[in-house]
Protein backbone atom coordinates (compact mmCIF):
# COMPACT_ATOMS: atom_id res chain seq x y z
CA MET A 1 -61.06 -15.00 -121.61
CA SER A 2 -62.06 -12.32 -119.11
CA CYS A 3 -60.67 -14.39 -116.31
CA PHE A 4 -57.31 -14.58 -118.09
CA ARG A 5 -57.25 -10.79 -118.48
CA ARG A 6 -58.09 -10.23 -114.84
CA GLY A 7 -55.18 -12.53 -113.95
CA LEU A 8 -52.74 -10.56 -116.10
CA THR A 9 -53.94 -7.33 -114.58
CA SER A 10 -53.32 -8.43 -110.98
CA LEU A 11 -49.97 -10.10 -111.79
CA PRO A 12 -47.78 -7.02 -111.13
CA VAL A 13 -49.49 -6.54 -107.80
CA HIS A 14 -48.75 -10.11 -106.75
CA VAL A 15 -45.14 -9.87 -107.90
CA ALA A 16 -44.59 -6.65 -105.92
CA LEU A 17 -46.18 -8.21 -102.85
CA VAL A 18 -43.99 -11.33 -103.03
CA ALA A 19 -40.84 -9.22 -103.52
CA GLY A 20 -41.67 -7.12 -100.47
CA LEU A 21 -42.24 -10.16 -98.30
CA TYR A 22 -39.01 -11.73 -99.52
CA GLY A 23 -37.08 -8.55 -98.72
CA GLN A 24 -38.38 -8.51 -95.13
CA ALA A 25 -37.62 -12.18 -94.59
CA ALA A 26 -34.13 -12.08 -96.08
CA PRO A 27 -31.36 -11.81 -93.46
CA GLN A 28 -29.56 -8.47 -93.40
CA THR A 29 -25.81 -8.33 -93.09
CA PRO A 30 -24.87 -6.35 -89.92
CA GLU A 31 -22.56 -3.43 -90.35
CA PRO A 32 -19.08 -3.95 -88.86
CA ALA A 33 -18.68 -2.40 -85.42
CA LYS A 34 -16.55 0.72 -85.31
CA PRO A 35 -13.59 0.64 -83.00
CA ALA A 36 -14.14 2.62 -79.79
CA GLN A 37 -12.53 6.00 -79.90
CA PRO A 38 -10.74 7.14 -76.74
CA ALA A 39 -12.52 10.01 -75.06
CA ALA A 40 -10.71 13.28 -75.22
CA ASN A 41 -11.13 13.86 -71.48
CA VAL A 42 -9.79 10.48 -70.32
CA VAL A 43 -6.83 11.06 -67.95
CA SER A 44 -4.03 8.59 -67.54
CA THR A 45 -4.17 6.59 -64.32
CA ASP A 46 -0.64 7.74 -63.55
CA LEU A 47 -1.91 11.30 -63.31
CA LYS A 48 -4.62 10.23 -60.86
CA LYS A 49 -2.17 8.88 -58.27
CA ARG A 50 -2.94 10.24 -54.82
CA ALA A 51 -0.14 12.10 -53.06
CA PHE A 52 -0.02 11.09 -49.41
CA VAL A 53 2.61 13.79 -48.86
CA ARG A 54 1.28 16.90 -50.54
CA ALA A 55 3.36 19.44 -52.43
CA ILE A 56 2.61 22.09 -49.78
CA SER A 57 0.82 21.44 -46.49
CA GLY A 58 0.36 23.31 -43.24
CA GLY A 59 -1.39 23.05 -39.94
CA VAL A 60 -1.40 23.64 -36.19
CA THR A 61 1.02 22.23 -33.62
CA LEU A 62 0.86 21.47 -29.90
CA SER A 63 4.15 21.12 -28.02
CA ILE A 64 4.79 19.62 -24.57
CA LEU A 65 8.24 20.13 -23.07
CA GLY A 66 9.84 17.42 -21.00
CA GLN A 67 11.25 20.08 -18.64
CA MET A 68 10.90 23.80 -18.02
CA PRO A 69 13.06 26.03 -20.25
CA MET A 70 14.72 27.44 -17.11
CA GLN A 71 16.44 25.23 -14.57
CA ASN A 72 16.87 25.44 -10.81
CA GLY A 73 20.16 27.15 -10.13
CA ASP A 74 22.46 28.28 -7.31
CA PHE A 75 25.25 30.82 -7.34
CA PHE A 76 27.68 32.33 -4.82
CA ASP A 77 30.58 34.72 -5.05
CA GLU A 78 32.93 35.47 -2.15
CA ARG A 79 35.67 38.08 -2.23
CA THR A 80 37.28 40.45 0.22
CA ASN A 81 34.53 42.43 1.94
CA PHE A 82 31.98 41.04 -0.54
CA PHE A 83 29.71 38.01 -0.44
CA GLU A 84 26.79 37.20 -2.72
CA THR A 85 24.40 34.26 -3.03
CA ALA A 86 21.54 33.67 -5.48
CA THR A 87 18.97 30.91 -5.86
CA THR A 88 16.55 30.43 -8.75
CA GLY A 89 13.51 28.15 -8.88
CA ALA A 90 11.98 27.33 -12.26
CA GLY A 91 8.25 27.37 -12.96
CA GLY A 92 5.76 28.18 -15.70
CA TYR A 93 4.12 26.05 -18.35
CA ARG A 94 5.42 23.04 -20.23
CA TYR A 95 3.04 23.27 -23.18
CA GLY A 96 3.27 25.54 -26.19
CA PHE A 97 1.46 26.03 -29.48
CA GLY A 98 2.05 27.28 -32.99
CA GLY A 99 1.97 26.24 -36.64
CA ASN A 100 4.00 24.53 -39.34
CA VAL A 101 4.47 24.47 -43.12
CA GLN A 102 5.92 21.58 -45.14
CA VAL A 103 7.18 21.63 -48.74
CA ARG A 104 7.56 18.29 -50.53
CA LEU A 105 10.94 17.53 -52.09
CA PRO A 106 12.04 14.65 -54.38
CA ARG A 107 13.20 11.23 -53.15
CA LYS A 108 11.11 11.01 -49.93
CA PHE A 109 12.41 14.34 -48.60
CA ALA A 110 10.51 17.39 -47.33
CA ALA A 111 11.46 20.79 -45.89
CA VAL A 112 9.66 21.84 -42.70
CA VAL A 113 9.35 25.19 -40.95
CA SER A 114 7.60 25.45 -37.58
CA VAL A 115 6.94 28.34 -35.19
CA LEU A 116 6.15 27.57 -31.55
CA GLN A 117 5.49 29.80 -28.55
CA HIS A 118 6.51 28.80 -25.01
CA LYS A 119 6.34 30.59 -21.67
CA SER A 120 8.72 30.11 -18.77
CA GLY A 121 8.46 31.40 -15.22
CA HIS A 122 11.07 31.58 -12.48
CA GLY A 123 11.73 33.20 -9.13
CA THR A 124 15.13 34.39 -7.86
CA THR A 125 16.35 35.42 -4.42
CA GLN A 126 19.64 37.28 -4.25
CA ASP A 127 21.50 38.32 -1.07
CA THR A 128 24.53 40.63 -1.13
CA TYR A 129 26.78 41.55 1.79
CA VAL A 130 29.26 44.39 1.39
CA GLY A 131 31.85 45.41 3.97
CA ALA A 132 33.47 43.78 6.99
CA ASP A 133 31.68 42.43 10.03
CA ASN A 134 32.95 43.53 13.43
CA PRO A 135 33.02 40.42 15.61
CA ASN A 136 32.75 42.54 18.76
CA THR A 137 29.20 43.71 17.90
CA PRO A 138 26.03 41.59 18.18
CA LEU A 139 24.70 42.58 14.76
CA ASP A 140 26.12 42.06 11.28
CA ASP A 141 27.88 45.29 10.36
CA ARG A 142 27.90 44.55 6.64
CA ILE A 143 25.49 46.24 4.24
CA HIS A 144 22.90 43.60 3.40
CA THR A 145 20.75 43.85 0.28
CA THR A 146 18.03 41.31 -0.60
CA ILE A 147 16.34 41.16 -4.02
CA GLU A 148 13.21 39.06 -4.56
CA GLU A 149 12.39 38.82 -8.25
CA SER A 150 9.83 36.82 -10.26
CA SER A 151 9.61 36.83 -14.05
CA ILE A 152 7.62 35.35 -16.92
CA VAL A 153 9.45 34.99 -20.23
CA THR A 154 7.80 34.45 -23.62
CA TYR A 155 9.85 32.51 -26.16
CA TRP A 156 9.33 32.00 -29.87
CA ASP A 157 11.09 28.95 -31.36
CA TYR A 158 11.73 28.98 -35.12
CA THR A 159 12.68 25.50 -36.37
CA PHE A 160 14.01 24.69 -39.86
CA MET A 161 14.38 20.99 -40.64
CA LEU A 162 14.96 18.60 -43.52
CA ARG A 163 12.69 15.56 -43.12
CA ARG A 164 12.96 12.15 -44.80
CA TYR A 165 10.02 9.76 -44.96
CA THR A 166 10.27 5.97 -44.89
CA LYS A 167 7.89 5.65 -47.87
CA ASP A 168 7.53 7.25 -51.25
CA HIS A 169 5.28 10.32 -51.28
CA PHE A 170 2.66 8.47 -53.37
CA ALA A 171 2.73 5.19 -51.42
CA PRO A 172 -0.47 4.69 -49.37
CA GLY A 173 -0.67 4.11 -45.65
CA PRO A 174 1.09 5.53 -42.59
CA ARG A 175 4.77 6.32 -42.73
CA GLY A 176 7.56 7.24 -40.35
CA PHE A 177 10.08 10.04 -40.74
CA PHE A 178 13.26 11.42 -39.24
CA GLY A 179 15.07 14.67 -39.75
CA GLY A 180 17.30 17.39 -38.43
CA GLY A 181 18.12 21.05 -38.73
CA PHE A 182 18.43 24.26 -36.75
CA ASN A 183 16.40 25.87 -33.97
CA PHE A 184 16.37 29.58 -33.12
CA ARG A 185 14.90 30.85 -29.83
CA ASP A 186 13.77 34.47 -29.72
CA VAL A 187 13.04 36.11 -26.34
CA ARG A 188 10.20 38.41 -27.31
CA LYS A 189 8.71 39.53 -23.99
CA VAL A 190 9.80 39.56 -20.33
CA ARG A 191 7.61 40.62 -17.41
CA SER A 192 9.27 41.04 -14.01
CA GLU A 193 8.30 42.10 -10.50
CA ARG A 194 11.04 42.92 -8.03
CA GLU A 195 11.34 43.91 -4.37
CA THR A 196 14.65 45.25 -3.10
CA THR A 197 15.26 45.43 0.64
CA LEU A 198 18.14 47.49 2.01
CA GLY A 199 18.16 47.65 5.75
CA ALA A 200 14.65 48.59 6.83
CA THR A 201 13.66 50.02 3.44
CA THR A 202 11.88 48.01 0.69
CA THR A 203 11.28 49.31 -2.82
CA SER A 204 9.43 47.73 -5.73
CA ASP A 205 9.83 47.96 -9.49
CA THR A 206 8.75 46.17 -12.65
CA ASN A 207 11.88 46.60 -14.77
CA PRO A 208 12.21 43.43 -16.87
CA ILE A 209 15.31 41.32 -16.50
CA VAL A 210 17.67 41.33 -19.46
CA PRO A 211 18.40 37.96 -21.14
CA THR A 212 21.95 36.98 -21.97
CA ARG A 213 20.98 37.08 -25.66
CA ASP A 214 17.77 37.89 -27.50
CA ILE A 215 18.18 35.10 -30.06
CA GLY A 216 19.93 31.82 -29.32
CA ARG A 217 20.88 29.04 -31.73
CA GLY A 218 20.55 25.29 -31.40
CA ILE A 219 20.73 22.01 -33.33
CA VAL A 220 17.56 19.90 -33.51
CA GLY A 221 16.82 16.27 -34.44
CA ALA A 222 13.40 14.63 -34.76
CA VAL A 223 11.60 11.32 -35.33
CA GLY A 224 7.89 10.83 -35.91
CA ALA A 225 5.09 9.37 -38.01
CA GLN A 226 2.30 10.48 -40.33
CA PHE A 227 -1.24 9.07 -40.41
CA VAL A 228 -3.79 10.13 -43.05
CA ASP A 229 -7.59 9.77 -42.93
CA ASP A 230 -9.99 9.45 -45.89
CA PHE A 231 -10.32 13.24 -46.16
CA GLY A 232 -6.59 13.88 -46.40
CA VAL A 233 -6.20 15.26 -42.86
CA LYS A 234 -2.87 14.19 -41.34
CA LEU A 235 -2.06 13.44 -37.72
CA MET A 236 1.68 13.72 -37.07
CA PRO A 237 3.10 12.81 -33.64
CA GLU A 238 6.75 13.75 -33.29
CA PHE A 239 9.60 13.77 -30.79
CA ARG A 240 12.27 16.49 -30.98
CA TYR A 241 15.56 17.01 -29.21
CA THR A 242 17.33 20.38 -29.28
CA ARG A 243 20.82 21.10 -28.05
CA TRP A 244 21.00 24.81 -27.36
CA LEU A 245 24.44 26.16 -28.28
CA GLN A 246 23.56 29.67 -27.08
CA PRO A 247 21.21 29.64 -24.05
CA SER A 248 18.89 32.61 -23.62
CA PHE A 249 19.81 33.06 -19.94
CA ASP A 250 23.28 32.31 -18.59
CA THR A 251 23.81 34.72 -15.69
CA LYS A 252 24.49 33.71 -12.08
CA SER A 253 21.66 31.38 -10.95
CA GLN A 254 19.40 32.20 -13.91
CA LEU A 255 20.30 29.44 -16.36
CA SER A 256 18.45 28.15 -19.41
CA ARG A 257 18.52 24.42 -20.09
CA LYS A 258 20.91 23.37 -22.81
CA ASN A 259 19.04 20.13 -23.55
CA GLN A 260 15.40 20.32 -24.61
CA PHE A 261 13.16 17.27 -25.02
CA GLU A 262 9.85 17.94 -26.70
CA ALA A 263 6.76 15.92 -27.67
CA ILE A 264 4.83 17.41 -30.57
CA VAL A 265 1.48 16.64 -32.19
CA SER A 266 0.55 18.38 -35.47
CA ILE A 267 -2.66 18.34 -37.51
CA THR A 268 -1.98 19.33 -41.12
CA PHE A 269 -4.09 19.77 -44.24
């Protein structure tokens, strides 16, 4: 009888134990997975497209001219009791330097402004004879004046062009371009040295020669290419041709070239 009572007493304990073990062994139904919510800071891949032609870019430019800005020239003028000859030899440097700015436009276009500085040197010899020569005397009876002049001219070229690329601005890889526009040449500084000989007397001065016009206009065309590295730095070789409609110098033997051929290399950022 006591054994039966002890069994009844421990029965709730056994029932609770069995229920606990059954609850641990029973499979649990997994909760349904929640759909992934898009992150608030996720940007569309369209907005991440890399622009290989930036909205605004600028850089430095090196220019090498095919010929000197001045050309070799000869001049003579003969009238009654007057005779004049002049010869000019061109010199100076063919290279120039400056900078450029480009603004991207729609439909593969871009607007470009560049500023380049060039220097040109030349030397001129001018002989003038005034009066009549008496053939019965051994010497020339005319008044003879000789002018030896050398000058260095500093030019600033301002170029405004519309450029069209062969690829879309967002297309990767190198691309070519072509364009055209206007060129303006500003004569900013002239340095001259001159010796004038009249008879047995020679005088010197440093009065600068006066250009035909301070600012000349021209039409420019260009072709080139753009190469981009992994850091976005662009190398842009270019060839330009300018037809000067208003040469800076157009007096006697001092003549500016009307056709300008130019090789240009720009590094832009």
